[in-house]
Amino acid sequence: KEREYVAGINWSGVTTDYTDFVKGR
């Protein structure tokens, strides 16, 4: 399978992002 995105955080930590299948976990 292709490499898939899980989560990210910007350089300062202000912004975070999660793919749907890990949100809340």
mmCIF file of all heavy atoms, coordinates in Angstrom:
data_MODEL
# 
_entry.id   MODEL 
# 
loop_
_atom_site.group_PDB 
_atom_site.id 
_atom_site.type_symbol 
_atom_site.label_atom_id 
_atom_site.label_alt_id 
_atom_site.label_comp_id 
_atom_site.label_asym_id 
_atom_site.label_entity_id 
_atom_site.label_seq_id 
_atom_site.pdbx_PDB_ins_code 
_atom_site.Cartn_x 
_atom_site.Cartn_y 
_atom_site.Cartn_z 
_atom_site.occupancy 
_atom_site.B_iso_or_equiv 
_atom_site.pdbx_formal_charge 
_atom_site.auth_seq_id 
_atom_site.auth_comp_id 
_atom_site.auth_asym_id 
_atom_site.auth_atom_id 
_atom_site.pdbx_PDB_model_num 
ATOM 1   N N   . LYS A 1 1  ? 0.838   -1.206 0.000  1.00 0.00 ? 1  LYS A N   1 
ATOM 2   C CA  . LYS A 1 1  ? 0.000   0.000  0.000  1.00 0.00 ? 1  LYS A CA  1 
ATOM 3   C C   . LYS A 1 1  ? 0.868   1.249  0.000  1.00 0.00 ? 1  LYS A C   1 
ATOM 4   O O   . LYS A 1 1  ? 2.031   1.226  0.404  1.00 0.00 ? 1  LYS A O   1 
ATOM 5   C CB  . LYS A 1 1  ? -0.922  0.007  1.219  1.00 0.00 ? 1  LYS A CB  1 
ATOM 6   C CG  . LYS A 1 1  ? -1.978  -1.087 1.197  1.00 0.00 ? 1  LYS A CG  1 
ATOM 7   C CD  . LYS A 1 1  ? -2.981  -0.890 2.310  1.00 0.00 ? 1  LYS A CD  1 
ATOM 8   C CE  . LYS A 1 1  ? -4.095  -1.927 2.248  1.00 0.00 ? 1  LYS A CE  1 
ATOM 9   N NZ  . LYS A 1 1  ? -5.099  -1.727 3.326  1.00 0.00 ? 1  LYS A NZ  1 
ATOM 10  N N   . GLU A 1 2  ? 0.259   2.345  -0.432 1.00 0.00 ? 2  GLU A N   1 
ATOM 11  C CA  . GLU A 1 2  ? 0.972   3.609  -0.429 1.00 0.00 ? 2  GLU A CA  1 
ATOM 12  C C   . GLU A 1 2  ? 1.090   4.135  1.006  1.00 0.00 ? 2  GLU A C   1 
ATOM 13  O O   . GLU A 1 2  ? 0.271   3.833  1.866  1.00 0.00 ? 2  GLU A O   1 
ATOM 14  C CB  . GLU A 1 2  ? 0.244   4.633  -1.303 1.00 0.00 ? 2  GLU A CB  1 
ATOM 15  C CG  . GLU A 1 2  ? 0.290   4.325  -2.785 1.00 0.00 ? 2  GLU A CG  1 
ATOM 16  C CD  . GLU A 1 2  ? -0.282  5.455  -3.612 1.00 0.00 ? 2  GLU A CD  1 
ATOM 17  O OE1 . GLU A 1 2  ? -0.752  6.445  -3.036 1.00 0.00 ? 2  GLU A OE1 1 
ATOM 18  O OE2 . GLU A 1 2  ? -0.250  5.343  -4.847 1.00 0.00 ? 2  GLU A OE2 1 
ATOM 19  N N   . ARG A 1 3  ? 2.097   4.953  1.190  1.00 0.00 ? 3  ARG A N   1 
ATOM 20  C CA  . ARG A 1 3  ? 2.277   5.600  2.492  1.00 0.00 ? 3  ARG A CA  1 
ATOM 21  C C   . ARG A 1 3  ? 1.114   6.562  2.708  1.00 0.00 ? 3  ARG A C   1 
ATOM 22  O O   . ARG A 1 3  ? 0.773   7.345  1.819  1.00 0.00 ? 3  ARG A O   1 
ATOM 23  C CB  . ARG A 1 3  ? 3.609   6.336  2.502  1.00 0.00 ? 3  ARG A CB  1 
ATOM 24  C CG  . ARG A 1 3  ? 4.124   6.708  3.856  1.00 0.00 ? 3  ARG A CG  1 
ATOM 25  C CD  . ARG A 1 3  ? 5.584   7.131  3.765  1.00 0.00 ? 3  ARG A CD  1 
ATOM 26  N NE  . ARG A 1 3  ? 6.452   6.008  3.394  1.00 0.00 ? 3  ARG A NE  1 
ATOM 27  C CZ  . ARG A 1 3  ? 7.772   6.091  3.387  1.00 0.00 ? 3  ARG A CZ  1 
ATOM 28  N NH1 . ARG A 1 3  ? 8.376   7.223  3.729  1.00 0.00 ? 3  ARG A NH1 1 
ATOM 29  N NH2 . ARG A 1 3  ? 8.492   5.048  3.040  1.00 0.00 ? 3  ARG A NH2 1 
ATOM 30  N N   . GLU A 1 4  ? 0.487   6.499  3.880  1.00 0.00 ? 4  GLU A N   1 
ATOM 31  C CA  . GLU A 1 4  ? -0.670  7.351  4.131  1.00 0.00 ? 4  GLU A CA  1 
ATOM 32  C C   . GLU A 1 4  ? -0.421  8.282  5.312  1.00 0.00 ? 4  GLU A C   1 
ATOM 33  O O   . GLU A 1 4  ? 0.246   7.925  6.295  1.00 0.00 ? 4  GLU A O   1 
ATOM 34  C CB  . GLU A 1 4  ? -1.934  6.521  4.375  1.00 0.00 ? 4  GLU A CB  1 
ATOM 35  C CG  . GLU A 1 4  ? -1.868  5.588  5.565  1.00 0.00 ? 4  GLU A CG  1 
ATOM 36  C CD  . GLU A 1 4  ? -3.148  4.772  5.742  1.00 0.00 ? 4  GLU A CD  1 
ATOM 37  O OE1 . GLU A 1 4  ? -4.067  4.881  4.910  1.00 0.00 ? 4  GLU A OE1 1 
ATOM 38  O OE2 . GLU A 1 4  ? -3.222  4.033  6.734  1.00 0.00 ? 4  GLU A OE2 1 
ATOM 39  N N   . TYR A 1 5  ? -0.985  9.439  5.202  1.00 0.00 ? 5  TYR A N   1 
ATOM 40  C CA  . TYR A 1 5  ? -0.858  10.493 6.213  1.00 0.00 ? 5  TYR A CA  1 
ATOM 41  C C   . TYR A 1 5  ? -1.664  10.119 7.444  1.00 0.00 ? 5  TYR A C   1 
ATOM 42  O O   . TYR A 1 5  ? -2.796  9.650  7.327  1.00 0.00 ? 5  TYR A O   1 
ATOM 43  C CB  . TYR A 1 5  ? -1.366  11.799 5.607  1.00 0.00 ? 5  TYR A CB  1 
ATOM 44  C CG  . TYR A 1 5  ? -1.409  12.992 6.503  1.00 0.00 ? 5  TYR A CG  1 
ATOM 45  C CD1 . TYR A 1 5  ? -0.275  13.764 6.728  1.00 0.00 ? 5  TYR A CD1 1 
ATOM 46  C CD2 . TYR A 1 5  ? -2.604  13.387 7.090  1.00 0.00 ? 5  TYR A CD2 1 
ATOM 47  C CE1 . TYR A 1 5  ? -0.331  14.891 7.518  1.00 0.00 ? 5  TYR A CE1 1 
ATOM 48  C CE2 . TYR A 1 5  ? -2.676  14.509 7.881  1.00 0.00 ? 5  TYR A CE2 1 
ATOM 49  C CZ  . TYR A 1 5  ? -1.529  15.268 8.093  1.00 0.00 ? 5  TYR A CZ  1 
ATOM 50  O OH  . TYR A 1 5  ? -1.594  16.394 8.873  1.00 0.00 ? 5  TYR A OH  1 
ATOM 51  N N   . VAL A 1 6  ? -1.076  10.364 8.611  1.00 0.00 ? 6  VAL A N   1 
ATOM 52  C CA  . VAL A 1 6  ? -1.757  10.066 9.866  1.00 0.00 ? 6  VAL A CA  1 
ATOM 53  C C   . VAL A 1 6  ? -2.081  11.350 10.627 1.00 0.00 ? 6  VAL A C   1 
ATOM 54  O O   . VAL A 1 6  ? -3.220  11.587 11.017 1.00 0.00 ? 6  VAL A O   1 
ATOM 55  C CB  . VAL A 1 6  ? -0.895  9.141  10.746 1.00 0.00 ? 6  VAL A CB  1 
ATOM 56  C CG1 . VAL A 1 6  ? -1.552  8.929  12.110 1.00 0.00 ? 6  VAL A CG1 1 
ATOM 57  C CG2 . VAL A 1 6  ? -0.656  7.808  10.052 1.00 0.00 ? 6  VAL A CG2 1 
ATOM 58  N N   . ALA A 1 7  ? -1.062  12.186 10.827 1.00 0.00 ? 7  ALA A N   1 
ATOM 59  C CA  . ALA A 1 7  ? -1.256  13.405 11.616 1.00 0.00 ? 7  ALA A CA  1 
ATOM 60  C C   . ALA A 1 7  ? -0.122  14.372 11.324 1.00 0.00 ? 7  ALA A C   1 
ATOM 61  O O   . ALA A 1 7  ? 0.958   13.963 10.884 1.00 0.00 ? 7  ALA A O   1 
ATOM 62  C CB  . ALA A 1 7  ? -1.304  13.087 13.109 1.00 0.00 ? 7  ALA A CB  1 
ATOM 63  N N   . GLY A 1 8  ? -0.375  15.661 11.580 1.00 0.00 ? 8  GLY A N   1 
ATOM 64  C CA  . GLY A 1 8  ? 0.645   16.663 11.358 1.00 0.00 ? 8  GLY A CA  1 
ATOM 65  C C   . GLY A 1 8  ? 0.559   17.778 12.382 1.00 0.00 ? 8  GLY A C   1 
ATOM 66  O O   . GLY A 1 8  ? -0.500  18.001 12.998 1.00 0.00 ? 8  GLY A O   1 
ATOM 67  N N   . ILE A 1 9  ? 1.661   18.484 12.550 1.00 0.00 ? 9  ILE A N   1 
ATOM 68  C CA  . ILE A 1 9  ? 1.714   19.619 13.470 1.00 0.00 ? 9  ILE A CA  1 
ATOM 69  C C   . ILE A 1 9  ? 2.621   20.672 12.849 1.00 0.00 ? 9  ILE A C   1 
ATOM 70  O O   . ILE A 1 9  ? 3.686   20.354 12.310 1.00 0.00 ? 9  ILE A O   1 
ATOM 71  C CB  . ILE A 1 9  ? 2.211   19.176 14.868 1.00 0.00 ? 9  ILE A CB  1 
ATOM 72  C CG1 . ILE A 1 9  ? 2.119   20.315 15.874 1.00 0.00 ? 9  ILE A CG1 1 
ATOM 73  C CG2 . ILE A 1 9  ? 3.604   18.587 14.810 1.00 0.00 ? 9  ILE A CG2 1 
ATOM 74  C CD1 . ILE A 1 9  ? 2.281   19.850 17.327 1.00 0.00 ? 9  ILE A CD1 1 
ATOM 75  N N   . ASN A 1 10 ? 2.176   21.935 12.907 1.00 0.00 ? 10 ASN A N   1 
ATOM 76  C CA  . ASN A 1 10 ? 2.990   22.958 12.260 1.00 0.00 ? 10 ASN A CA  1 
ATOM 77  C C   . ASN A 1 10 ? 4.198   23.305 13.125 1.00 0.00 ? 10 ASN A C   1 
ATOM 78  O O   . ASN A 1 10 ? 4.341   22.814 14.249 1.00 0.00 ? 10 ASN A O   1 
ATOM 79  C CB  . ASN A 1 10 ? 2.139   24.178 11.923 1.00 0.00 ? 10 ASN A CB  1 
ATOM 80  C CG  . ASN A 1 10 ? 1.973   25.123 13.106 1.00 0.00 ? 10 ASN A CG  1 
ATOM 81  O OD1 . ASN A 1 10 ? 1.617   24.700 14.185 1.00 0.00 ? 10 ASN A OD1 1 
ATOM 82  N ND2 . ASN A 1 10 ? 2.250   26.395 12.872 1.00 0.00 ? 10 ASN A ND2 1 
ATOM 83  N N   . TRP A 1 11 ? 5.057   24.196 12.628 1.00 0.00 ? 11 TRP A N   1 
ATOM 84  C CA  . TRP A 1 11 ? 6.347   24.415 13.274 1.00 0.00 ? 11 TRP A CA  1 
ATOM 85  C C   . TRP A 1 11 ? 6.213   24.933 14.705 1.00 0.00 ? 11 TRP A C   1 
ATOM 86  O O   . TRP A 1 11 ? 7.032   24.627 15.560 1.00 0.00 ? 11 TRP A O   1 
ATOM 87  C CB  . TRP A 1 11 ? 7.187   25.404 12.444 1.00 0.00 ? 11 TRP A CB  1 
ATOM 88  C CG  . TRP A 1 11 ? 6.648   26.811 12.484 1.00 0.00 ? 11 TRP A CG  1 
ATOM 89  C CD1 . TRP A 1 11 ? 5.661   27.351 11.718 1.00 0.00 ? 11 TRP A CD1 1 
ATOM 90  C CD2 . TRP A 1 11 ? 7.056   27.848 13.390 1.00 0.00 ? 11 TRP A CD2 1 
ATOM 91  N NE1 . TRP A 1 11 ? 5.435   28.648 12.070 1.00 0.00 ? 11 TRP A NE1 1 
ATOM 92  C CE2 . TRP A 1 11 ? 6.264   28.990 13.092 1.00 0.00 ? 11 TRP A CE2 1 
ATOM 93  C CE3 . TRP A 1 11 ? 8.003   27.924 14.398 1.00 0.00 ? 11 TRP A CE3 1 
ATOM 94  C CZ2 . TRP A 1 11 ? 6.406   30.179 13.789 1.00 0.00 ? 11 TRP A CZ2 1 
ATOM 95  C CZ3 . TRP A 1 11 ? 8.150   29.116 15.086 1.00 0.00 ? 11 TRP A CZ3 1 
ATOM 96  C CH2 . TRP A 1 11 ? 7.345   30.232 14.776 1.00 0.00 ? 11 TRP A CH2 1 
ATOM 97  N N   . SER A 1 12 ? 5.187   25.705 14.980 1.00 0.00 ? 12 SER A N   1 
ATOM 98  C CA  . SER A 1 12 ? 5.039   26.283 16.318 1.00 0.00 ? 12 SER A CA  1 
ATOM 99  C C   . SER A 1 12 ? 4.183   25.429 17.249 1.00 0.00 ? 12 SER A C   1 
ATOM 100 O O   . SER A 1 12 ? 4.141   25.680 18.451 1.00 0.00 ? 12 SER A O   1 
ATOM 101 C CB  . SER A 1 12 ? 4.417   27.671 16.209 1.00 0.00 ? 12 SER A CB  1 
ATOM 102 O OG  . SER A 1 12 ? 3.095   27.581 15.720 1.00 0.00 ? 12 SER A OG  1 
ATOM 103 N N   . GLY A 1 13 ? 3.486   24.442 16.688 1.00 0.00 ? 13 GLY A N   1 
ATOM 104 C CA  . GLY A 1 13 ? 2.598   23.628 17.496 1.00 0.00 ? 13 GLY A CA  1 
ATOM 105 C C   . GLY A 1 13 ? 1.195   24.172 17.606 1.00 0.00 ? 13 GLY A C   1 
ATOM 106 O O   . GLY A 1 13 ? 0.343   23.579 18.271 1.00 0.00 ? 13 GLY A O   1 
ATOM 107 N N   . VAL A 1 14 ? 0.933   25.303 16.938 1.00 0.00 ? 14 VAL A N   1 
ATOM 108 C CA  . VAL A 1 14 ? -0.392  25.923 17.015 1.00 0.00 ? 14 VAL A CA  1 
ATOM 109 C C   . VAL A 1 14 ? -1.435  25.114 16.267 1.00 0.00 ? 14 VAL A C   1 
ATOM 110 O O   . VAL A 1 14 ? -2.594  25.020 16.683 1.00 0.00 ? 14 VAL A O   1 
ATOM 111 C CB  . VAL A 1 14 ? -0.330  27.366 16.463 1.00 0.00 ? 14 VAL A CB  1 
ATOM 112 C CG1 . VAL A 1 14 ? -1.722  27.932 16.273 1.00 0.00 ? 14 VAL A CG1 1 
ATOM 113 C CG2 . VAL A 1 14 ? 0.491   28.252 17.387 1.00 0.00 ? 14 VAL A CG2 1 
ATOM 114 N N   . THR A 1 15 ? -1.023  24.539 15.150 1.00 0.00 ? 15 THR A N   1 
ATOM 115 C CA  . THR A 1 15 ? -1.963  23.821 14.291 1.00 0.00 ? 15 THR A CA  1 
ATOM 116 C C   . THR A 1 15 ? -1.654  22.327 14.301 1.00 0.00 ? 15 THR A C   1 
ATOM 117 O O   . THR A 1 15 ? -0.504  21.925 14.122 1.00 0.00 ? 15 THR A O   1 
ATOM 118 C CB  . THR A 1 15 ? -1.870  24.333 12.841 1.00 0.00 ? 15 THR A CB  1 
ATOM 119 O OG1 . THR A 1 15 ? -2.096  25.730 12.817 1.00 0.00 ? 15 THR A OG1 1 
ATOM 120 C CG2 . THR A 1 15 ? -2.899  23.631 11.969 1.00 0.00 ? 15 THR A CG2 1 
ATOM 121 N N   . THR A 1 16 ? -2.687  21.539 14.515 1.00 0.00 ? 16 THR A N   1 
ATOM 122 C CA  . THR A 1 16 ? -2.556  20.093 14.385 1.00 0.00 ? 16 THR A CA  1 
ATOM 123 C C   . THR A 1 16 ? -3.644  19.586 13.444 1.00 0.00 ? 16 THR A C   1 
ATOM 124 O O   . THR A 1 16 ? -4.672  20.243 13.245 1.00 0.00 ? 16 THR A O   1 
ATOM 125 C CB  . THR A 1 16 ? -2.678  19.372 15.734 1.00 0.00 ? 16 THR A CB  1 
ATOM 126 O OG1 . THR A 1 16 ? -3.951  19.689 16.323 1.00 0.00 ? 16 THR A OG1 1 
ATOM 127 C CG2 . THR A 1 16 ? -1.569  19.773 16.676 1.00 0.00 ? 16 THR A CG2 1 
ATOM 128 N N   . ASP A 1 17 ? -3.388  18.439 12.889 1.00 0.00 ? 17 ASP A N   1 
ATOM 129 C CA  . ASP A 1 17 ? -4.307  17.878 11.902 1.00 0.00 ? 17 ASP A CA  1 
ATOM 130 C C   . ASP A 1 17 ? -4.250  16.361 11.990 1.00 0.00 ? 17 ASP A C   1 
ATOM 131 O O   . ASP A 1 17 ? -3.178  15.794 12.218 1.00 0.00 ? 17 ASP A O   1 
ATOM 132 C CB  . ASP A 1 17 ? -3.889  18.347 10.497 1.00 0.00 ? 17 ASP A CB  1 
ATOM 133 C CG  . ASP A 1 17 ? -4.790  17.804 9.419  1.00 0.00 ? 17 ASP A CG  1 
ATOM 134 O OD1 . ASP A 1 17 ? -6.013  17.959 9.543  1.00 0.00 ? 17 ASP A OD1 1 
ATOM 135 O OD2 . ASP A 1 17 ? -4.276  17.205 8.447  1.00 0.00 ? 17 ASP A OD2 1 
ATOM 136 N N   . TYR A 1 18 ? -5.405  15.723 11.809 1.00 0.00 ? 18 TYR A N   1 
ATOM 137 C CA  . TYR A 1 18 ? -5.482  14.267 11.896 1.00 0.00 ? 18 TYR A CA  1 
ATOM 138 C C   . TYR A 1 18 ? -6.331  13.730 10.756 1.00 0.00 ? 18 TYR A C   1 
ATOM 139 O O   . TYR A 1 18 ? -7.337  14.330 10.368 1.00 0.00 ? 18 TYR A O   1 
ATOM 140 C CB  . TYR A 1 18 ? -6.116  13.836 13.222 1.00 0.00 ? 18 TYR A CB  1 
ATOM 141 C CG  . TYR A 1 18 ? -5.373  14.323 14.443 1.00 0.00 ? 18 TYR A CG  1 
ATOM 142 C CD1 . TYR A 1 18 ? -5.687  15.549 15.021 1.00 0.00 ? 18 TYR A CD1 1 
ATOM 143 C CD2 . TYR A 1 18 ? -4.356  13.565 15.006 1.00 0.00 ? 18 TYR A CD2 1 
ATOM 144 C CE1 . TYR A 1 18 ? -4.994  16.010 16.138 1.00 0.00 ? 18 TYR A CE1 1 
ATOM 145 C CE2 . TYR A 1 18 ? -3.669  14.005 16.131 1.00 0.00 ? 18 TYR A CE2 1 
ATOM 146 C CZ  . TYR A 1 18 ? -3.987  15.231 16.684 1.00 0.00 ? 18 TYR A CZ  1 
ATOM 147 O OH  . TYR A 1 18 ? -3.309  15.681 17.788 1.00 0.00 ? 18 TYR A OH  1 
ATOM 148 N N   . THR A 1 19 ? -5.941  12.584 10.274 1.00 0.00 ? 19 THR A N   1 
ATOM 149 C CA  . THR A 1 19 ? -6.802  11.918 9.320  1.00 0.00 ? 19 THR A CA  1 
ATOM 150 C C   . THR A 1 19 ? -7.975  11.294 10.084 1.00 0.00 ? 19 THR A C   1 
ATOM 151 O O   . THR A 1 19 ? -7.886  11.043 11.294 1.00 0.00 ? 19 THR A O   1 
ATOM 152 C CB  . THR A 1 19 ? -6.015  10.865 8.534  1.00 0.00 ? 19 THR A CB  1 
ATOM 153 O OG1 . THR A 1 19 ? -6.780  10.446 7.412  1.00 0.00 ? 19 THR A OG1 1 
ATOM 154 C CG2 . THR A 1 19 ? -5.686  9.673  9.406  1.00 0.00 ? 19 THR A CG2 1 
ATOM 155 N N   . ASP A 1 20 ? -9.070  11.073 9.399  1.00 0.00 ? 20 ASP A N   1 
ATOM 156 C CA  . ASP A 1 20 ? -10.309 10.669 10.075 1.00 0.00 ? 20 ASP A CA  1 
ATOM 157 C C   . ASP A 1 20 ? -10.161 9.387  10.881 1.00 0.00 ? 20 ASP A C   1 
ATOM 158 O O   . ASP A 1 20 ? -10.760 9.249  11.957 1.00 0.00 ? 20 ASP A O   1 
ATOM 159 C CB  . ASP A 1 20 ? -11.434 10.510 9.050  1.00 0.00 ? 20 ASP A CB  1 
ATOM 160 C CG  . ASP A 1 20 ? -11.945 11.846 8.544  1.00 0.00 ? 20 ASP A CG  1 
ATOM 161 O OD1 . ASP A 1 20 ? -11.637 12.871 9.188  1.00 0.00 ? 20 ASP A OD1 1 
ATOM 162 O OD2 . ASP A 1 20 ? -12.641 11.864 7.512  1.00 0.00 ? 20 ASP A OD2 1 
ATOM 163 N N   . PHE A 1 21 ? -9.363  8.462  10.385 1.00 0.00 ? 21 PHE A N   1 
ATOM 164 C CA  . PHE A 1 21 ? -9.340  7.163  11.056 1.00 0.00 ? 21 PHE A CA  1 
ATOM 165 C C   . PHE A 1 21 ? -8.541  7.157  12.360 1.00 0.00 ? 21 PHE A C   1 
ATOM 166 O O   . PHE A 1 21 ? -8.495  6.148  13.056 1.00 0.00 ? 21 PHE A O   1 
ATOM 167 C CB  . PHE A 1 21 ? -8.893  6.040  10.109 1.00 0.00 ? 21 PHE A CB  1 
ATOM 168 C CG  . PHE A 1 21 ? -7.632  6.305  9.344  1.00 0.00 ? 21 PHE A CG  1 
ATOM 169 C CD1 . PHE A 1 21 ? -6.396  6.215  9.972  1.00 0.00 ? 21 PHE A CD1 1 
ATOM 170 C CD2 . PHE A 1 21 ? -7.669  6.629  8.002  1.00 0.00 ? 21 PHE A CD2 1 
ATOM 171 C CE1 . PHE A 1 21 ? -5.224  6.447  9.271  1.00 0.00 ? 21 PHE A CE1 1 
ATOM 172 C CE2 . PHE A 1 21 ? -6.512  6.873  7.289  1.00 0.00 ? 21 PHE A CE2 1 
ATOM 173 C CZ  . PHE A 1 21 ? -5.283  6.783  7.919  1.00 0.00 ? 21 PHE A CZ  1 
ATOM 174 N N   . VAL A 1 22 ? -7.914  8.280  12.725 1.00 0.00 ? 22 VAL A N   1 
ATOM 175 C CA  . VAL A 1 22 ? -7.214  8.324  14.004 1.00 0.00 ? 22 VAL A CA  1 
ATOM 176 C C   . VAL A 1 22 ? -7.745  9.428  14.916 1.00 0.00 ? 22 VAL A C   1 
ATOM 177 O O   . VAL A 1 22 ? -7.301  9.533  16.070 1.00 0.00 ? 22 VAL A O   1 
ATOM 178 C CB  . VAL A 1 22 ? -5.689  8.495  13.843 1.00 0.00 ? 22 VAL A CB  1 
ATOM 179 C CG1 . VAL A 1 22 ? -5.123  7.397  12.950 1.00 0.00 ? 22 VAL A CG1 1 
ATOM 180 C CG2 . VAL A 1 22 ? -5.340  9.869  13.304 1.00 0.00 ? 22 VAL A CG2 1 
ATOM 181 N N   . LYS A 1 23 ? -8.659  10.243 14.423 1.00 0.00 ? 23 LYS A N   1 
ATOM 182 C CA  . LYS A 1 23 ? -9.193  11.336 15.243 1.00 0.00 ? 23 LYS A CA  1 
ATOM 183 C C   . LYS A 1 23 ? -9.809  10.800 16.527 1.00 0.00 ? 23 LYS A C   1 
ATOM 184 O O   . LYS A 1 23 ? -10.556 9.829  16.522 1.00 0.00 ? 23 LYS A O   1 
ATOM 185 C CB  . LYS A 1 23 ? -10.243 12.126 14.454 1.00 0.00 ? 23 LYS A CB  1 
ATOM 186 C CG  . LYS A 1 23 ? -9.657  13.122 13.484 1.00 0.00 ? 23 LYS A CG  1 
ATOM 187 C CD  . LYS A 1 23 ? -10.755 13.898 12.752 1.00 0.00 ? 23 LYS A CD  1 
ATOM 188 C CE  . LYS A 1 23 ? -10.156 14.884 11.761 1.00 0.00 ? 23 LYS A CE  1 
ATOM 189 N NZ  . LYS A 1 23 ? -11.190 15.594 10.989 1.00 0.00 ? 23 LYS A NZ  1 
ATOM 190 N N   . GLY A 1 24 ? -9.463  11.432 17.619 1.00 0.00 ? 24 GLY A N   1 
ATOM 191 C CA  . GLY A 1 24 ? -9.978  11.014 18.909 1.00 0.00 ? 24 GLY A CA  1 
ATOM 192 C C   . GLY A 1 24 ? -9.178  9.910  19.567 1.00 0.00 ? 24 GLY A C   1 
ATOM 193 O O   . GLY A 1 24 ? -9.392  9.585  20.733 1.00 0.00 ? 24 GLY A O   1 
ATOM 194 N N   . ARG A 1 25 ? -8.241  9.305  18.822 1.00 0.00 ? 25 ARG A N   1 
ATOM 195 C CA  . ARG A 1 25 ? -7.420  8.223  19.376 1.00 0.00 ? 25 ARG A CA  1 
ATOM 196 C C   . ARG A 1 25 ? -5.937  8.594  19.438 1.00 0.00 ? 25 ARG A C   1 
ATOM 197 O O   . ARG A 1 25 ? -5.233  8.177  20.342 1.00 0.00 ? 25 ARG A O   1 
ATOM 198 C CB  . ARG A 1 25 ? -7.581  6.947  18.537 1.00 0.00 ? 25 ARG A CB  1 
ATOM 199 C CG  . ARG A 1 25 ? -9.007  6.431  18.467 1.00 0.00 ? 25 ARG A CG  1 
ATOM 200 C CD  . ARG A 1 25 ? -9.068  5.049  17.812 1.00 0.00 ? 25 ARG A CD  1 
ATOM 201 N NE  . ARG A 1 25 ? -8.593  5.056  16.437 1.00 0.00 ? 25 ARG A NE  1 
ATOM 202 C CZ  . ARG A 1 25 ? -7.598  4.311  15.979 1.00 0.00 ? 25 ARG A CZ  1 
ATOM 203 N NH1 . ARG A 1 25 ? -6.935  3.498  16.791 1.00 0.00 ? 25 ARG A NH1 1 
ATOM 204 N NH2 . ARG A 1 25 ? -7.247  4.362  14.694 1.00 0.00 ? 25 ARG A NH2 1 
# 
